[in-house]
Amino acid sequence: MFNTDIRCGQCGRKLASGRYLELTIKCPRCRAMNHLKAESLPTERPGAPQPGESDGRQSDHPLAGRQTTPG
């Protein structure tokens, strides 16, 4: 994912550079309040295992692979 220039919607001044989900920032030049939301939420990381899918590694946890007894 790339960083994006965040600019004032009123005067166009560059306010920040980065990534955001939701941001409220006041422009120091024109005093306008800028409310920004991401167009869509980021998807899961590429290559992340899907639910119920193993990534091929074994767990180092001492209880890994054990099943609980019903009760």
PDB file of N, CA and C in Angstrom:
ATOM      1  N   MET A   1       0.841  -1.167   0.000  1.00  0.00           N
ATOM      2  CA  MET A   1       0.000   0.000   0.000  1.00  0.00           C
ATOM      3  C   MET A   1       0.890   1.235   0.000  1.00  0.00           C
ATOM      4  N   PHE A   2       0.492   2.257  -0.717  1.00  0.00           N
ATOM      5  CA  PHE A   2       1.288   3.458  -0.851  1.00  0.00           C
ATOM      6  C   PHE A   2       0.742   4.570   0.035  1.00  0.00           C
ATOM      7  N   ASN A   3       1.643   5.449   0.468  1.00  0.00           N
ATOM      8  CA  ASN A   3       1.227   6.622   1.221  1.00  0.00           C
ATOM      9  C   ASN A   3       0.554   7.601   0.271  1.00  0.00           C
ATOM     10  N   THR A   4      -0.405   8.328   0.776  1.00  0.00           N
ATOM     11  CA  THR A   4      -1.182   9.268  -0.011  1.00  0.00           C
ATOM     12  C   THR A   4      -1.010  10.661   0.565  1.00  0.00           C
ATOM     13  N   ASP A   5      -0.905  11.668  -0.306  1.00  0.00           N
ATOM     14  CA  ASP A   5      -0.916  13.045   0.172  1.00  0.00           C
ATOM     15  C   ASP A   5      -2.322  13.376   0.641  1.00  0.00           C
ATOM     16  N   ILE A   6      -2.427  13.954   1.829  1.00  0.00           N
ATOM     17  CA  ILE A   6      -3.716  14.353   2.391  1.00  0.00           C
ATOM     18  C   ILE A   6      -3.773  15.867   2.301  1.00  0.00           C
ATOM     19  N   ARG A   7      -4.713  16.374   1.507  1.00  0.00           N
ATOM     20  CA  ARG A   7      -4.798  17.814   1.243  1.00  0.00           C
ATOM     21  C   ARG A   7      -6.118  18.384   1.734  1.00  0.00           C
ATOM     22  N   CYS A   8      -6.094  19.676   2.054  1.00  0.00           N
ATOM     23  CA  CYS A   8      -7.294  20.382   2.489  1.00  0.00           C
ATOM     24  C   CYS A   8      -8.286  20.448   1.335  1.00  0.00           C
ATOM     25  N   GLY A   9      -9.533  20.142   1.611  1.00  0.00           N
ATOM     26  CA  GLY A   9     -10.570  20.198   0.591  1.00  0.00           C
ATOM     27  C   GLY A   9     -10.957  21.628   0.229  1.00  0.00           C
ATOM     28  N   GLN A  10     -10.625  22.591   1.071  1.00  0.00           N
ATOM     29  CA  GLN A  10     -10.980  23.997   0.842  1.00  0.00           C
ATOM     30  C   GLN A  10      -9.902  24.726   0.039  1.00  0.00           C
ATOM     31  N   CYS A  11      -8.656  24.676   0.521  1.00  0.00           N
ATOM     32  CA  CYS A  11      -7.595  25.469  -0.116  1.00  0.00           C
ATOM     33  C   CYS A  11      -6.538  24.632  -0.823  1.00  0.00           C
ATOM     34  N   GLY A  12      -6.524  23.327  -0.601  1.00  0.00           N
ATOM     35  CA  GLY A  12      -5.587  22.447  -1.294  1.00  0.00           C
ATOM     36  C   GLY A  12      -4.234  22.292  -0.622  1.00  0.00           C
ATOM     37  N   ARG A  13      -4.026  22.899   0.529  1.00  0.00           N
ATOM     38  CA  ARG A  13      -2.738  22.779   1.220  1.00  0.00           C
ATOM     39  C   ARG A  13      -2.507  21.331   1.641  1.00  0.00           C
ATOM     40  N   LYS A  14      -1.262  20.867   1.496  1.00  0.00           N
ATOM     41  CA  LYS A  14      -0.912  19.523   1.933  1.00  0.00           C
ATOM     42  C   LYS A  14      -0.879  19.510   3.456  1.00  0.00           C
ATOM     43  N   LEU A  15      -1.688  18.626   4.052  1.00  0.00           N
ATOM     44  CA  LEU A  15      -1.792  18.544   5.503  1.00  0.00           C
ATOM     45  C   LEU A  15      -0.973  17.395   6.073  1.00  0.00           C
ATOM     46  N   ALA A  16      -0.833  16.329   5.318  1.00  0.00           N
ATOM     47  CA  ALA A  16      -0.119  15.150   5.802  1.00  0.00           C
ATOM     48  C   ALA A  16       0.144  14.206   4.637  1.00  0.00           C
ATOM     49  N   SER A  17       0.883  13.159   4.923  1.00  0.00           N
ATOM     50  CA  SER A  17       1.127  12.094   3.962  1.00  0.00           C
ATOM     51  C   SER A  17       1.033  10.790   4.734  1.00  0.00           C
ATOM     52  N   GLY A  18       0.276   9.833   4.221  1.00  0.00           N
ATOM     53  CA  GLY A  18       0.165   8.559   4.922  1.00  0.00           C
ATOM     54  C   GLY A  18      -1.068   7.792   4.519  1.00  0.00           C
ATOM     55  N   ARG A  19      -1.425   6.825   5.367  1.00  0.00           N
ATOM     56  CA  ARG A  19      -2.611   5.996   5.157  1.00  0.00           C
ATOM     57  C   ARG A  19      -3.550   6.234   6.319  1.00  0.00           C
ATOM     58  N   TYR A  20      -4.844   6.117   6.071  1.00  0.00           N
ATOM     59  CA  TYR A  20      -5.818   6.341   7.129  1.00  0.00           C
ATOM     60  C   TYR A  20      -7.081   5.549   6.867  1.00  0.00           C
ATOM     61  N   LEU A  21      -7.804   5.228   7.931  1.00  0.00           N
ATOM     62  CA  LEU A  21      -9.145   4.666   7.827  1.00  0.00           C
ATOM     63  C   LEU A  21     -10.153   5.782   8.004  1.00  0.00           C
ATOM     64  N   GLU A  22      -9.903   6.629   9.003  1.00  0.00           N
ATOM     65  CA  GLU A  22     -10.764   7.775   9.257  1.00  0.00           C
ATOM     66  C   GLU A  22      -9.888   8.859   9.871  1.00  0.00           C
ATOM     67  N   LEU A  23     -10.079  10.106   9.433  1.00  0.00           N
ATOM     68  CA  LEU A  23      -9.211  11.183   9.875  1.00  0.00           C
ATOM     69  C   LEU A  23      -9.984  12.486   9.912  1.00  0.00           C
ATOM     70  N   THR A  24      -9.794  13.260  10.970  1.00  0.00           N
ATOM     71  CA  THR A  24     -10.313  14.621  11.053  1.00  0.00           C
ATOM     72  C   THR A  24      -9.116  15.510  11.324  1.00  0.00           C
ATOM     73  N   ILE A  25      -8.903  16.495  10.461  1.00  0.00           N
ATOM     74  CA  ILE A  25      -7.736  17.363  10.597  1.00  0.00           C
ATOM     75  C   ILE A  25      -8.118  18.789  10.212  1.00  0.00           C
ATOM     76  N   LYS A  26      -7.642  19.754  10.994  1.00  0.00           N
ATOM     77  CA  LYS A  26      -7.946  21.157  10.744  1.00  0.00           C
ATOM     78  C   LYS A  26      -6.801  21.786   9.970  1.00  0.00           C
ATOM     79  N   CYS A  27      -7.137  22.482   8.904  1.00  0.00           N
ATOM     80  CA  CYS A  27      -6.136  23.142   8.071  1.00  0.00           C
ATOM     81  C   CYS A  27      -5.628  24.393   8.795  1.00  0.00           C
ATOM     82  N   PRO A  28      -4.303  24.506   8.968  1.00  0.00           N
ATOM     83  CA  PRO A  28      -3.768  25.692   9.642  1.00  0.00           C
ATOM     84  C   PRO A  28      -3.851  26.955   8.782  1.00  0.00           C
ATOM     85  N   ARG A  29      -3.989  26.796   7.468  1.00  0.00           N
ATOM     86  CA  ARG A  29      -4.045  27.960   6.584  1.00  0.00           C
ATOM     87  C   ARG A  29      -5.435  28.590   6.577  1.00  0.00           C
ATOM     88  N   CYS A  30      -6.465  27.790   6.240  1.00  0.00           N
ATOM     89  CA  CYS A  30      -7.812  28.354   6.069  1.00  0.00           C
ATOM     90  C   CYS A  30      -8.767  27.990   7.206  1.00  0.00           C
ATOM     91  N   ARG A  31      -8.304  27.178   8.170  1.00  0.00           N
ATOM     92  CA  ARG A  31      -9.084  26.783   9.345  1.00  0.00           C
ATOM     93  C   ARG A  31     -10.263  25.848   9.026  1.00  0.00           C
ATOM     94  N   ALA A  32     -10.304  25.283   7.845  1.00  0.00           N
ATOM     95  CA  ALA A  32     -11.381  24.351   7.486  1.00  0.00           C
ATOM     96  C   ALA A  32     -11.140  23.012   8.175  1.00  0.00           C
ATOM     97  N   MET A  33     -12.221  22.391   8.659  1.00  0.00           N
ATOM     98  CA  MET A  33     -12.143  21.046   9.225  1.00  0.00           C
ATOM     99  C   MET A  33     -12.307  20.051   8.077  1.00  0.00           C
ATOM    100  N   ASN A  34     -11.379  19.140   7.950  1.00  0.00           N
ATOM    101  CA  ASN A  34     -11.397  18.131   6.897  1.00  0.00           C
ATOM    102  C   ASN A  34     -11.697  16.780   7.527  1.00  0.00           C
ATOM    103  N   HIS A  35     -12.794  16.147   7.122  1.00  0.00           N
ATOM    104  CA  HIS A  35     -13.196  14.826   7.607  1.00  0.00           C
ATOM    105  C   HIS A  35     -12.986  13.851   6.455  1.00  0.00           C
ATOM    106  N   LEU A  36     -12.120  12.894   6.653  1.00  0.00           N
ATOM    107  CA  LEU A  36     -11.785  11.944   5.596  1.00  0.00           C
ATOM    108  C   LEU A  36     -12.037  10.530   6.074  1.00  0.00           C
ATOM    109  N   LYS A  37     -12.551   9.693   5.184  1.00  0.00           N
ATOM    110  CA  LYS A  37     -12.735   8.271   5.447  1.00  0.00           C
ATOM    111  C   LYS A  37     -12.166   7.506   4.270  1.00  0.00           C
ATOM    112  N   ALA A  38     -11.606   6.338   4.540  1.00  0.00           N
ATOM    113  CA  ALA A  38     -11.091   5.492   3.475  1.00  0.00           C
ATOM    114  C   ALA A  38     -12.259   5.058   2.593  1.00  0.00           C
ATOM    115  N   GLU A  39     -12.004   4.937   1.297  1.00  0.00           N
ATOM    116  CA  GLU A  39     -13.063   4.514   0.377  1.00  0.00           C
ATOM    117  C   GLU A  39     -13.495   3.080   0.651  1.00  0.00           C
ATOM    118  N   SER A  40     -12.558   2.245   1.060  1.00  0.00           N
ATOM    119  CA  SER A  40     -12.887   0.869   1.430  1.00  0.00           C
ATOM    120  C   SER A  40     -11.891   0.415   2.485  1.00  0.00           C
ATOM    121  N   LEU A  41     -12.304  -0.535   3.304  1.00  0.00           N
ATOM    122  CA  LEU A  41     -11.418  -1.058   4.327  1.00  0.00           C
ATOM    123  C   LEU A  41     -10.353  -1.914   3.669  1.00  0.00           C
ATOM    124  N   PRO A  42      -9.151  -1.912   4.244  1.00  0.00           N
ATOM    125  CA  PRO A  42      -8.096  -2.748   3.670  1.00  0.00           C
ATOM    126  C   PRO A  42      -8.475  -4.221   3.763  1.00  0.00           C
ATOM    127  N   THR A  43      -8.113  -4.969   2.754  1.00  0.00           N
ATOM    128  CA  THR A  43      -8.381  -6.407   2.770  1.00  0.00           C
ATOM    129  C   THR A  43      -7.315  -7.076   3.619  1.00  0.00           C
ATOM    130  N   GLU A  44      -7.509  -8.361   3.886  1.00  0.00           N
ATOM    131  CA  GLU A  44      -6.517  -9.084   4.670  1.00  0.00           C
ATOM    132  C   GLU A  44      -5.184  -9.080   3.938  1.00  0.00           C
ATOM    133  N   ARG A  45      -4.115  -9.276   4.702  1.00  0.00           N
ATOM    134  CA  ARG A  45      -2.798  -9.260   4.098  1.00  0.00           C
ATOM    135  C   ARG A  45      -2.696 -10.333   3.017  1.00  0.00           C
ATOM    136  N   PRO A  46      -1.983 -10.034   1.973  1.00  0.00           N
ATOM    137  CA  PRO A  46      -1.787 -11.048   0.929  1.00  0.00           C
ATOM    138  C   PRO A  46      -1.024 -12.234   1.499  1.00  0.00           C
ATOM    139  N   GLY A  47      -1.465 -13.423   1.190  1.00  0.00           N
ATOM    140  CA  GLY A  47      -0.793 -14.628   1.655  1.00  0.00           C
ATOM    141  C   GLY A  47      -1.231 -15.089   3.028  1.00  0.00           C
ATOM    142  N   ALA A  48      -2.128 -14.359   3.679  1.00  0.00           N
ATOM    143  CA  ALA A  48      -2.610 -14.779   4.997  1.00  0.00           C
ATOM    144  C   ALA A  48      -3.504 -16.000   4.821  1.00  0.00           C
ATOM    145  N   PRO A  49      -3.380 -16.996   5.703  1.00  0.00           N
ATOM    146  CA  PRO A  49      -4.236 -18.177   5.570  1.00  0.00           C
ATOM    147  C   PRO A  49      -5.703 -17.826   5.812  1.00  0.00           C
ATOM    148  N   GLN A  50      -6.564 -18.443   5.054  1.00  0.00           N
ATOM    149  CA  GLN A  50      -8.001 -18.244   5.204  1.00  0.00           C
ATOM    150  C   GLN A  50      -8.478 -19.050   6.406  1.00  0.00           C
ATOM    151  N   PRO A  51      -9.635 -18.728   6.990  1.00  0.00           N
ATOM    152  CA  PRO A  51     -10.137 -19.498   8.132  1.00  0.00           C
ATOM    153  C   PRO A  51     -10.220 -20.987   7.795  1.00  0.00           C
ATOM    154  N   GLY A  52      -9.690 -21.818   8.695  1.00  0.00           N
ATOM    155  CA  GLY A  52      -9.712 -23.258   8.486  1.00  0.00           C
ATOM    156  C   GLY A  52      -8.577 -23.755   7.611  1.00  0.00           C
ATOM    157  N   GLU A  53      -7.708 -22.854   7.193  1.00  0.00           N
ATOM    158  CA  GLU A  53      -6.607 -23.204   6.307  1.00  0.00           C
ATOM    159  C   GLU A  53      -5.297 -23.075   7.081  1.00  0.00           C
ATOM    160  N   SER A  54      -4.408 -24.034   6.907  1.00  0.00           N
ATOM    161  CA  SER A  54      -3.121 -23.994   7.598  1.00  0.00           C
ATOM    162  C   SER A  54      -2.104 -23.275   6.732  1.00  0.00           C
ATOM    163  N   ASP A  55      -1.145 -22.618   7.375  1.00  0.00           N
ATOM    164  CA  ASP A  55      -0.097 -21.954   6.607  1.00  0.00           C
ATOM    165  C   ASP A  55       1.107 -22.876   6.388  1.00  0.00           C
ATOM    166  N   GLY A  56       0.979 -24.140   6.807  1.00  0.00           N
ATOM    167  CA  GLY A  56       2.035 -25.121   6.571  1.00  0.00           C
ATOM    168  C   GLY A  56       3.041 -25.224   7.700  1.00  0.00           C
ATOM    169  N   ARG A  57       2.968 -24.340   8.678  1.00  0.00           N
ATOM    170  CA  ARG A  57       3.906 -24.388   9.801  1.00  0.00           C
ATOM    171  C   ARG A  57       3.283 -25.139  10.969  1.00  0.00           C
ATOM    172  N   GLN A  58       4.132 -25.758  11.781  1.00  0.00           N
ATOM    173  CA  GLN A  58       3.644 -26.423  12.983  1.00  0.00           C
ATOM    174  C   GLN A  58       3.718 -25.443  14.144  1.00  0.00           C
ATOM    175  N   SER A  59       2.783 -25.550  15.034  1.00  0.00           N
ATOM    176  CA  SER A  59       2.743 -24.671  16.195  1.00  0.00           C
ATOM    177  C   SER A  59       3.735 -25.138  17.249  1.00  0.00           C
ATOM    178  N   ASP A  60       4.334 -24.186  17.966  1.00  0.00           N
ATOM    179  CA  ASP A  60       5.238 -24.505  19.063  1.00  0.00           C
ATOM    180  C   ASP A  60       4.493 -24.580  20.400  1.00  0.00           C
ATOM    181  N   HIS A  61       3.179 -24.341  20.369  1.00  0.00           N
ATOM    182  CA  HIS A  61       2.391 -24.343  21.595  1.00  0.00           C
ATOM    183  C   HIS A  61       2.303 -25.769  22.133  1.00  0.00           C
ATOM    184  N   PRO A  62       2.502 -25.968  23.457  1.00  0.00           N
ATOM    185  CA  PRO A  62       2.508 -27.328  24.007  1.00  0.00           C
ATOM    186  C   PRO A  62       1.178 -28.067  23.863  1.00  0.00           C
ATOM    187  N   LEU A  63       0.072 -27.372  23.725  1.00  0.00           N
ATOM    188  CA  LEU A  63      -1.228 -28.034  23.597  1.00  0.00           C
ATOM    189  C   LEU A  63      -1.694 -28.127  22.140  1.00  0.00           C
ATOM    190  N   ALA A  64      -0.862 -27.743  21.209  1.00  0.00           N
ATOM    191  CA  ALA A  64      -1.244 -27.777  19.797  1.00  0.00           C
ATOM    192  C   ALA A  64      -1.513 -29.196  19.350  1.00  0.00           C
ATOM    193  N   GLY A  65      -2.604 -29.383  18.659  1.00  0.00           N
ATOM    194  CA  GLY A  65      -2.954 -30.691  18.124  1.00  0.00           C
ATOM    195  C   GLY A  65      -3.725 -31.583  19.083  1.00  0.00           C
ATOM    196  N   ARG A  66      -3.823 -31.194  20.345  1.00  0.00           N
ATOM    197  CA  ARG A  66      -4.583 -32.001  21.310  1.00  0.00           C
ATOM    198  C   ARG A  66      -6.063 -31.692  21.178  1.00  0.00           C
ATOM    199  N   GLN A  67      -6.864 -32.690  21.419  1.00  0.00           N
ATOM    200  CA  GLN A  67      -8.296 -32.508  21.399  1.00  0.00           C
ATOM    201  C   GLN A  67      -8.812 -32.547  22.819  1.00  0.00           C
ATOM    202  N   THR A  68      -9.827 -31.744  23.093  1.00  0.00           N
ATOM    203  CA  THR A  68     -10.417 -31.741  24.442  1.00  0.00           C
ATOM    204  C   THR A  68     -11.418 -32.890  24.555  1.00  0.00           C
ATOM    205  N   THR A  69     -11.547 -33.401  25.741  1.00  0.00           N
ATOM    206  CA  THR A  69     -12.510 -34.469  25.975  1.00  0.00           C
ATOM    207  C   THR A  69     -13.877 -33.845  26.235  1.00  0.00           C
ATOM    208  N   PRO A  70     -14.952 -34.464  25.707  1.00  0.00           N
ATOM    209  CA  PRO A  70     -16.285 -33.902  25.954  1.00  0.00           C
ATOM    210  C   PRO A  70     -16.616 -33.989  27.438  1.00  0.00           C
ATOM    211  N   GLY A  71     -17.268 -32.971  27.911  1.00  0.00           N
ATOM    212  CA  GLY A  71     -17.623 -33.118  29.293  1.00  0.00           C
ATOM    213  C   GLY A  71     -18.100 -31.898  29.869  1.00  0.00           C
TER     214      GLY A  71
END
